[in-house]
Amino acid sequence: MKRQAKRQAPARTHRQMVAVWEKDPGFKAAYDELDTEFALLRQLLAARRKAGLTQAGVAEKMGTRPPAVTRLETALSANRHSPTLATLKKYAWAVGCKLEVHLVPSKAR
């Protein structure tokens, strides 16, 4: 029987790595550009948790399959595609919320 190697603790935590990366102007600019997507993702996940639902539970209420909810949540974090307003409305309804979209004046003009 083969022995498995003991796992070692990582040299740095995720927060420590992000702190280092944020010093890189290129990383900071790319990260800041995704701020809206990350904020929306945090809201979706918080609403799902508050509703006490799993991805499968949200999918059932939306009338879709669990992988579609997984793709929606991961797409926002990976900036793969933008979900439609119709999809976001279904998700919001499934977790007991209402979708609202607001335009905010830009700081940079």
N, C-alpha and C. Protein backbone atom coordinates (compact mmCIF):
# COMPACT_ATOMS: atom_id res chain seq x y z
N MET A 1 0.83 -1.18 0.00
CA MET A 1 0.00 0.00 0.00
C MET A 1 0.88 1.25 0.00
N LYS A 2 0.56 2.18 -0.85
CA LYS A 2 1.35 3.40 -1.00
C LYS A 2 0.93 4.43 0.05
N ARG A 3 1.91 5.00 0.70
CA ARG A 3 1.65 6.05 1.69
C ARG A 3 1.41 7.38 1.01
N GLN A 4 0.43 8.11 1.52
CA GLN A 4 0.19 9.44 0.97
C GLN A 4 1.04 10.45 1.72
N ALA A 5 1.57 11.39 0.96
CA ALA A 5 2.38 12.45 1.57
C ALA A 5 1.48 13.35 2.40
N LYS A 6 2.04 13.82 3.51
CA LYS A 6 1.30 14.74 4.36
C LYS A 6 1.16 16.08 3.67
N ARG A 7 -0.02 16.66 3.73
CA ARG A 7 -0.23 17.98 3.14
C ARG A 7 0.40 19.04 4.03
N GLN A 8 1.08 19.95 3.39
CA GLN A 8 1.67 21.04 4.13
C GLN A 8 0.79 22.27 4.00
N ALA A 9 0.80 23.07 5.03
CA ALA A 9 0.04 24.31 5.00
C ALA A 9 0.62 25.22 3.92
N PRO A 10 -0.23 25.97 3.23
CA PRO A 10 0.30 26.88 2.21
C PRO A 10 1.21 27.94 2.82
N ALA A 11 2.16 28.39 2.03
CA ALA A 11 3.11 29.40 2.51
C ALA A 11 2.41 30.72 2.81
N ARG A 12 1.37 31.02 2.03
CA ARG A 12 0.61 32.26 2.21
C ARG A 12 -0.88 31.97 2.14
N THR A 13 -1.64 32.79 2.82
CA THR A 13 -3.09 32.69 2.72
C THR A 13 -3.56 33.41 1.47
N HIS A 14 -4.81 33.22 1.10
CA HIS A 14 -5.38 33.90 -0.05
C HIS A 14 -5.31 35.41 0.16
N ARG A 15 -5.67 35.87 1.34
CA ARG A 15 -5.63 37.31 1.62
C ARG A 15 -4.22 37.88 1.47
N GLN A 16 -3.23 37.13 1.92
CA GLN A 16 -1.85 37.59 1.80
C GLN A 16 -1.43 37.68 0.33
N MET A 17 -1.83 36.70 -0.47
CA MET A 17 -1.48 36.71 -1.89
C MET A 17 -2.15 37.89 -2.59
N VAL A 18 -3.42 38.13 -2.28
CA VAL A 18 -4.13 39.25 -2.90
C VAL A 18 -3.47 40.57 -2.50
N ALA A 19 -3.04 40.68 -1.25
CA ALA A 19 -2.38 41.91 -0.79
C ALA A 19 -1.11 42.17 -1.62
N VAL A 20 -0.37 41.12 -1.94
CA VAL A 20 0.83 41.27 -2.76
C VAL A 20 0.44 41.64 -4.19
N TRP A 21 -0.54 40.94 -4.74
CA TRP A 21 -0.96 41.20 -6.12
C TRP A 21 -1.50 42.61 -6.29
N GLU A 22 -2.20 43.14 -5.27
CA GLU A 22 -2.79 44.47 -5.39
C GLU A 22 -1.74 45.57 -5.56
N LYS A 23 -0.50 45.28 -5.24
CA LYS A 23 0.57 46.26 -5.43
C LYS A 23 0.96 46.38 -6.90
N ASP A 24 0.56 45.40 -7.71
CA ASP A 24 0.83 45.42 -9.15
C ASP A 24 -0.25 46.25 -9.83
N PRO A 25 0.11 47.37 -10.47
CA PRO A 25 -0.90 48.24 -11.10
C PRO A 25 -1.77 47.52 -12.12
N GLY A 26 -1.20 46.58 -12.87
CA GLY A 26 -1.98 45.83 -13.86
C GLY A 26 -3.04 44.97 -13.20
N PHE A 27 -2.68 44.30 -12.11
CA PHE A 27 -3.63 43.47 -11.37
C PHE A 27 -4.73 44.34 -10.78
N LYS A 28 -4.32 45.44 -10.17
CA LYS A 28 -5.29 46.34 -9.52
C LYS A 28 -6.30 46.87 -10.53
N ALA A 29 -5.84 47.26 -11.70
CA ALA A 29 -6.74 47.79 -12.72
C ALA A 29 -7.72 46.73 -13.20
N ALA A 30 -7.22 45.51 -13.43
CA ALA A 30 -8.09 44.42 -13.87
C ALA A 30 -9.10 44.05 -12.79
N TYR A 31 -8.65 44.02 -11.56
CA TYR A 31 -9.54 43.68 -10.43
C TYR A 31 -10.61 44.76 -10.27
N ASP A 32 -10.21 46.01 -10.32
CA ASP A 32 -11.16 47.12 -10.17
C ASP A 32 -12.20 47.11 -11.29
N GLU A 33 -11.79 46.69 -12.48
CA GLU A 33 -12.70 46.63 -13.62
C GLU A 33 -13.82 45.61 -13.39
N LEU A 34 -13.55 44.59 -12.58
CA LEU A 34 -14.54 43.54 -12.31
C LEU A 34 -15.35 43.82 -11.04
N ASP A 35 -15.19 44.99 -10.46
CA ASP A 35 -15.85 45.31 -9.20
C ASP A 35 -17.37 45.11 -9.27
N THR A 36 -18.00 45.53 -10.34
CA THR A 36 -19.45 45.39 -10.47
C THR A 36 -19.86 43.93 -10.48
N GLU A 37 -19.13 43.09 -11.22
CA GLU A 37 -19.45 41.66 -11.28
C GLU A 37 -19.27 41.01 -9.91
N PHE A 38 -18.17 41.37 -9.21
CA PHE A 38 -17.93 40.79 -7.90
C PHE A 38 -19.01 41.22 -6.90
N ALA A 39 -19.43 42.47 -6.98
CA ALA A 39 -20.47 42.97 -6.08
C ALA A 39 -21.78 42.23 -6.34
N LEU A 40 -22.13 42.03 -7.61
CA LEU A 40 -23.35 41.31 -7.94
C LEU A 40 -23.26 39.86 -7.46
N LEU A 41 -22.12 39.23 -7.66
CA LEU A 41 -21.94 37.85 -7.21
C LEU A 41 -22.11 37.75 -5.69
N ARG A 42 -21.51 38.68 -4.95
CA ARG A 42 -21.67 38.66 -3.49
C ARG A 42 -23.13 38.78 -3.10
N GLN A 43 -23.88 39.64 -3.81
CA GLN A 43 -25.30 39.80 -3.52
C GLN A 43 -26.09 38.54 -3.84
N LEU A 44 -25.79 37.90 -4.96
CA LEU A 44 -26.49 36.67 -5.33
C LEU A 44 -26.25 35.58 -4.28
N LEU A 45 -25.00 35.41 -3.91
CA LEU A 45 -24.67 34.35 -2.94
C LEU A 45 -25.27 34.64 -1.57
N ALA A 46 -25.24 35.90 -1.16
CA ALA A 46 -25.83 36.27 0.13
C ALA A 46 -27.34 36.03 0.13
N ALA A 47 -28.01 36.38 -0.97
CA ALA A 47 -29.46 36.18 -1.06
C ALA A 47 -29.80 34.69 -1.06
N ARG A 48 -28.99 33.89 -1.76
CA ARG A 48 -29.23 32.44 -1.78
C ARG A 48 -29.06 31.84 -0.39
N ARG A 49 -28.00 32.27 0.31
CA ARG A 49 -27.77 31.78 1.68
C ARG A 49 -28.92 32.19 2.60
N LYS A 50 -29.33 33.46 2.50
CA LYS A 50 -30.41 33.96 3.34
C LYS A 50 -31.71 33.20 3.09
N ALA A 51 -31.93 32.82 1.83
CA ALA A 51 -33.12 32.05 1.48
C ALA A 51 -32.99 30.58 1.91
N GLY A 52 -31.79 30.19 2.32
CA GLY A 52 -31.56 28.81 2.75
C GLY A 52 -31.61 27.82 1.61
N LEU A 53 -31.20 28.26 0.43
CA LEU A 53 -31.27 27.40 -0.75
C LEU A 53 -29.90 26.99 -1.24
N THR A 54 -29.85 25.82 -1.82
CA THR A 54 -28.66 25.36 -2.53
C THR A 54 -28.80 25.80 -3.98
N GLN A 55 -27.76 25.59 -4.76
CA GLN A 55 -27.87 25.88 -6.19
C GLN A 55 -28.99 25.04 -6.81
N ALA A 56 -29.12 23.80 -6.36
CA ALA A 56 -30.18 22.93 -6.89
C ALA A 56 -31.56 23.49 -6.54
N GLY A 57 -31.71 24.03 -5.34
CA GLY A 57 -32.98 24.62 -4.93
C GLY A 57 -33.34 25.85 -5.75
N VAL A 58 -32.34 26.68 -6.01
CA VAL A 58 -32.56 27.86 -6.85
C VAL A 58 -32.94 27.42 -8.26
N ALA A 59 -32.22 26.42 -8.78
CA ALA A 59 -32.49 25.92 -10.13
C ALA A 59 -33.93 25.41 -10.24
N GLU A 60 -34.37 24.68 -9.25
CA GLU A 60 -35.74 24.15 -9.28
C GLU A 60 -36.76 25.28 -9.35
N LYS A 61 -36.56 26.30 -8.53
CA LYS A 61 -37.49 27.44 -8.52
C LYS A 61 -37.42 28.24 -9.82
N MET A 62 -36.25 28.26 -10.45
CA MET A 62 -36.09 28.99 -11.72
C MET A 62 -36.60 28.18 -12.90
N GLY A 63 -36.84 26.90 -12.69
CA GLY A 63 -37.28 26.04 -13.79
C GLY A 63 -36.13 25.63 -14.69
N THR A 64 -34.96 25.47 -14.09
CA THR A 64 -33.79 25.08 -14.86
C THR A 64 -33.04 23.99 -14.11
N ARG A 65 -31.87 23.64 -14.58
CA ARG A 65 -31.07 22.58 -13.93
C ARG A 65 -29.94 23.20 -13.12
N PRO A 66 -29.49 22.50 -12.08
CA PRO A 66 -28.42 23.04 -11.21
C PRO A 66 -27.17 23.53 -11.94
N PRO A 67 -26.70 22.84 -13.00
CA PRO A 67 -25.50 23.36 -13.67
C PRO A 67 -25.68 24.77 -14.24
N ALA A 68 -26.91 25.14 -14.58
CA ALA A 68 -27.15 26.49 -15.11
C ALA A 68 -26.92 27.53 -14.02
N VAL A 69 -27.31 27.22 -12.79
CA VAL A 69 -27.09 28.15 -11.67
C VAL A 69 -25.59 28.21 -11.35
N THR A 70 -24.94 27.08 -11.38
CA THR A 70 -23.49 27.05 -11.16
C THR A 70 -22.78 27.91 -12.20
N ARG A 71 -23.17 27.75 -13.48
CA ARG A 71 -22.56 28.55 -14.55
C ARG A 71 -22.81 30.03 -14.33
N LEU A 72 -24.03 30.39 -13.91
CA LEU A 72 -24.36 31.79 -13.67
C LEU A 72 -23.45 32.37 -12.59
N GLU A 73 -23.33 31.66 -11.47
CA GLU A 73 -22.53 32.17 -10.36
C GLU A 73 -21.04 32.19 -10.70
N THR A 74 -20.55 31.18 -11.37
CA THR A 74 -19.12 31.16 -11.69
C THR A 74 -18.78 32.10 -12.84
N ALA A 75 -19.73 32.31 -13.76
CA ALA A 75 -19.47 33.22 -14.89
C ALA A 75 -19.23 34.63 -14.39
N LEU A 76 -19.94 35.04 -13.35
CA LEU A 76 -19.74 36.38 -12.80
C LEU A 76 -18.36 36.52 -12.19
N SER A 77 -17.89 35.47 -11.53
CA SER A 77 -16.57 35.57 -10.89
C SER A 77 -15.44 35.45 -11.90
N ALA A 78 -15.70 34.81 -13.03
CA ALA A 78 -14.65 34.61 -14.03
C ALA A 78 -14.79 35.56 -15.21
N ASN A 79 -15.81 36.43 -15.17
CA ASN A 79 -16.06 37.40 -16.25
C ASN A 79 -16.18 36.70 -17.60
N ARG A 80 -16.86 35.53 -17.61
CA ARG A 80 -17.00 34.77 -18.84
C ARG A 80 -18.10 35.30 -19.73
N HIS A 81 -19.23 35.58 -19.16
CA HIS A 81 -20.32 36.15 -19.95
C HIS A 81 -21.23 36.92 -19.01
N SER A 82 -22.05 37.77 -19.59
CA SER A 82 -22.98 38.55 -18.79
C SER A 82 -24.35 37.91 -18.86
N PRO A 83 -24.94 37.58 -17.72
CA PRO A 83 -26.28 36.99 -17.73
C PRO A 83 -27.30 38.02 -18.20
N THR A 84 -28.39 37.53 -18.76
CA THR A 84 -29.44 38.43 -19.21
C THR A 84 -30.22 38.95 -18.00
N LEU A 85 -30.91 40.06 -18.20
CA LEU A 85 -31.76 40.59 -17.13
C LEU A 85 -32.85 39.58 -16.78
N ALA A 86 -33.37 38.87 -17.79
CA ALA A 86 -34.42 37.86 -17.53
C ALA A 86 -33.89 36.78 -16.59
N THR A 87 -32.67 36.33 -16.80
CA THR A 87 -32.08 35.30 -15.94
C THR A 87 -31.88 35.83 -14.52
N LEU A 88 -31.37 37.05 -14.42
CA LEU A 88 -31.17 37.64 -13.10
C LEU A 88 -32.50 37.84 -12.36
N LYS A 89 -33.56 38.21 -13.11
CA LYS A 89 -34.89 38.35 -12.50
C LYS A 89 -35.39 37.01 -11.96
N LYS A 90 -35.19 35.94 -12.72
CA LYS A 90 -35.60 34.60 -12.28
C LYS A 90 -34.84 34.20 -11.03
N TYR A 91 -33.54 34.46 -11.02
CA TYR A 91 -32.71 34.12 -9.86
C TYR A 91 -33.21 34.91 -8.65
N ALA A 92 -33.42 36.21 -8.83
CA ALA A 92 -33.89 37.06 -7.73
C ALA A 92 -35.21 36.54 -7.19
N TRP A 93 -36.14 36.21 -8.07
CA TRP A 93 -37.45 35.68 -7.64
C TRP A 93 -37.26 34.38 -6.87
N ALA A 94 -36.38 33.51 -7.37
CA ALA A 94 -36.15 32.20 -6.74
C ALA A 94 -35.64 32.33 -5.30
N VAL A 95 -34.88 33.39 -5.03
CA VAL A 95 -34.33 33.57 -3.68
C VAL A 95 -35.14 34.58 -2.86
N GLY A 96 -36.32 34.91 -3.36
CA GLY A 96 -37.21 35.79 -2.61
C GLY A 96 -36.85 37.26 -2.68
N CYS A 97 -36.26 37.67 -3.78
CA CYS A 97 -35.84 39.07 -3.94
C CYS A 97 -36.44 39.65 -5.22
N LYS A 98 -36.22 40.91 -5.41
CA LYS A 98 -36.62 41.63 -6.62
C LYS A 98 -35.35 42.25 -7.20
N LEU A 99 -35.19 42.13 -8.50
CA LEU A 99 -34.02 42.70 -9.15
C LEU A 99 -34.26 44.18 -9.43
N GLU A 100 -33.30 45.01 -9.05
CA GLU A 100 -33.33 46.43 -9.38
C GLU A 100 -32.01 46.78 -10.04
N VAL A 101 -32.07 47.58 -11.09
CA VAL A 101 -30.86 48.01 -11.79
C VAL A 101 -30.80 49.53 -11.68
N HIS A 102 -29.65 50.04 -11.28
CA HIS A 102 -29.47 51.48 -11.10
C HIS A 102 -28.25 51.95 -11.87
N LEU A 103 -28.34 53.14 -12.41
CA LEU A 103 -27.17 53.79 -13.01
C LEU A 103 -26.63 54.78 -12.01
N VAL A 104 -25.32 54.77 -11.84
CA VAL A 104 -24.65 55.65 -10.88
C VAL A 104 -23.67 56.52 -11.67
N PRO A 105 -23.67 57.83 -11.42
CA PRO A 105 -22.72 58.70 -12.14
C PRO A 105 -21.29 58.20 -11.96
N SER A 106 -20.54 58.22 -13.04
CA SER A 106 -19.16 57.77 -13.04
C SER A 106 -18.27 58.82 -12.42
N LYS A 107 -17.25 58.39 -11.69
CA LYS A 107 -16.29 59.32 -11.10
C LYS A 107 -15.34 59.83 -12.17
N ALA A 108 -14.99 58.96 -13.12
CA ALA A 108 -14.06 59.35 -14.19
C ALA A 108 -14.84 59.80 -15.41
N ARG A 109 -14.61 60.99 -15.86
CA ARG A 109 -15.30 61.52 -17.05
C ARG A 109 -14.32 62.16 -17.95
